Amino acid sequence: MFGTILSLHYIGRKRWIPSIIFWVAYLIVTAVVSGALYTIAPTVSVMGLLIGFAVFMALAHYWYKFPWEISLKLFVIAFIIDFIIAIILVAVLVVTLPEFWGWVFPQAGIL
C-alpha cells in the first residue's frame, strides 16, 4: 500500500501530505465498498484487486483530477512497488525464520 504514496508523490507530482491523505481515503473507501459488497453477496467481495483498482481509478480521476491514462499509470506503478515490497518481506521472512516454512509446508522437507 505504500506504493500508492510513492506513486502519487513521484509520478503524480503531489506533495507528501496529499499523497498520504489519498492513501488513507483509498483504504477507507475500499473497506467500505468491500464491506457493502460482502453484505450483498459474500462471493463478490473476494475480488479485492478489482475493487481496489476501481476505487483507485475513481479517486485519482474524480478527486485529484488526473486523466484516466495517468490514473492507470499511477495504479500500475503503485501495484508494482507494493509487489516488490511484498517480495522483499517474504525474502526477509524466509531468511530470518526458516523453521516457519517447515511448519507451513511440511511436505517440502525444508527442515
Protein backbone atom coordinates (compact mmCIF):
# COMPACT_ATOMS: atom_id res chain seq x y z
CA MET A 1 0.00 0.00 0.00
CA PHE A 2 2.98 2.30 0.31
CA GLY A 3 3.26 2.12 -3.45
CA THR A 4 0.25 4.42 -3.63
CA ILE A 5 2.01 7.12 -1.64
CA LEU A 6 5.23 6.80 -3.61
CA SER A 7 3.42 6.68 -6.95
CA LEU A 8 1.38 9.79 -6.24
CA HIS A 9 4.40 11.68 -4.91
CA TYR A 10 6.92 10.88 -7.63
CA ILE A 11 4.77 10.20 -10.71
CA GLY A 12 1.68 12.26 -9.90
CA ARG A 13 3.79 15.15 -8.58
CA LYS A 14 1.75 15.55 -5.40
CA ARG A 15 3.26 16.57 -2.08
CA TRP A 16 3.64 14.02 0.71
CA ILE A 17 0.59 15.09 2.74
CA PRO A 18 -1.92 14.90 -0.17
CA SER A 19 -0.39 11.55 -1.14
CA ILE A 20 -0.89 10.21 2.38
CA ILE A 21 -4.43 11.63 2.51
CA PHE A 22 -5.18 9.87 -0.79
CA TRP A 23 -3.80 6.63 0.63
CA VAL A 24 -5.98 6.88 3.76
CA ALA A 25 -9.06 7.73 1.69
CA TYR A 26 -8.26 4.82 -0.62
CA LEU A 27 -8.09 2.41 2.34
CA ILE A 28 -11.33 3.69 3.85
CA VAL A 29 -13.33 3.72 0.61
CA THR A 30 -12.04 0.27 -0.37
CA ALA A 31 -13.01 -1.11 3.05
CA VAL A 32 -16.48 0.43 2.84
CA VAL A 33 -17.10 -0.82 -0.69
CA SER A 34 -15.80 -4.31 0.14
CA GLY A 35 -17.90 -4.40 3.30
CA ALA A 36 -21.02 -3.29 1.44
CA LEU A 37 -20.46 -5.88 -1.26
CA TYR A 38 -19.92 -8.54 1.39
CA THR A 39 -23.33 -7.84 2.91
CA ILE A 40 -24.97 -8.09 -0.52
CA ALA A 41 -23.09 -11.06 -1.93
CA PRO A 42 -20.19 -12.57 0.07
CA THR A 43 -18.55 -14.09 -3.00
CA VAL A 44 -18.30 -10.70 -4.75
CA SER A 45 -16.18 -9.13 -2.01
CA VAL A 46 -13.28 -11.52 -2.61
CA MET A 47 -12.41 -9.71 -5.82
CA GLY A 48 -10.23 -7.31 -3.87
CA LEU A 49 -7.89 -6.37 -6.67
CA LEU A 50 -10.75 -5.34 -8.94
CA ILE A 51 -12.40 -3.37 -6.16
CA GLY A 52 -9.10 -1.71 -5.26
CA PHE A 53 -8.47 -0.91 -8.92
CA ALA A 54 -11.90 0.66 -9.36
CA VAL A 55 -11.61 2.72 -6.16
CA PHE A 56 -8.09 3.89 -7.02
CA MET A 57 -9.08 4.91 -10.54
CA ALA A 58 -12.21 6.71 -9.33
CA LEU A 59 -10.40 8.61 -6.58
CA ALA A 60 -7.46 9.55 -8.80
CA HIS A 61 -9.68 10.70 -11.65
CA TYR A 62 -12.55 12.42 -9.84
CA TRP A 63 -10.83 13.66 -6.70
CA TYR A 64 -7.32 14.58 -7.92
CA LYS A 65 -8.44 15.28 -11.49
CA PHE A 66 -5.87 13.01 -13.17
CA PRO A 67 -6.68 11.87 -16.70
CA TRP A 68 -7.68 8.20 -16.99
CA GLU A 69 -4.35 7.25 -18.60
CA ILE A 70 -2.33 8.83 -15.79
CA SER A 71 -4.61 7.21 -13.19
CA LEU A 72 -3.96 3.81 -14.75
CA LYS A 73 -0.22 4.51 -14.84
CA LEU A 74 -0.29 5.52 -11.16
CA PHE A 75 -2.14 2.32 -10.23
CA VAL A 76 0.22 0.07 -12.18
CA ILE A 77 3.30 1.69 -10.65
CA ALA A 78 1.79 1.51 -7.16
CA PHE A 79 0.94 -2.17 -7.71
CA ILE A 80 4.49 -2.96 -8.89
CA ILE A 81 6.02 -1.12 -5.92
CA ASP A 82 3.73 -2.96 -3.48
CA PHE A 83 4.56 -6.28 -5.17
CA ILE A 84 8.29 -5.63 -4.80
CA ILE A 85 7.81 -4.70 -1.14
CA ALA A 86 5.88 -7.94 -0.59
CA ILE A 87 8.65 -9.99 -2.22
CA ILE A 88 11.26 -8.31 -0.01
CA LEU A 89 9.19 -9.00 3.12
CA VAL A 90 8.79 -12.66 2.17
CA ALA A 91 12.53 -12.94 1.49
CA VAL A 92 13.26 -11.45 4.92
CA LEU A 93 10.83 -13.93 6.48
CA VAL A 94 12.49 -16.87 4.73
CA VAL A 95 15.96 -15.75 5.82
CA THR A 96 15.08 -14.94 9.42
CA LEU A 97 12.54 -17.70 10.13
CA PRO A 98 13.32 -20.80 8.04
CA GLU A 99 11.55 -23.04 10.57
CA PHE A 100 8.31 -21.19 9.75
CA TRP A 101 8.32 -22.62 6.23
CA GLY A 102 8.85 -26.15 7.53
CA TRP A 103 5.72 -25.71 9.62
CA VAL A 104 3.67 -24.21 6.78
CA PHE A 105 4.86 -26.66 4.11
CA PRO A 106 5.83 -29.87 5.93
CA GLN A 107 5.74 -31.91 2.72
CA ALA A 108 8.54 -29.76 1.24
CA GLY A 109 11.06 -31.20 3.69
CA ILE A 110 12.72 -27.86 4.31
CA LEU A 111 13.75 -28.81 7.82
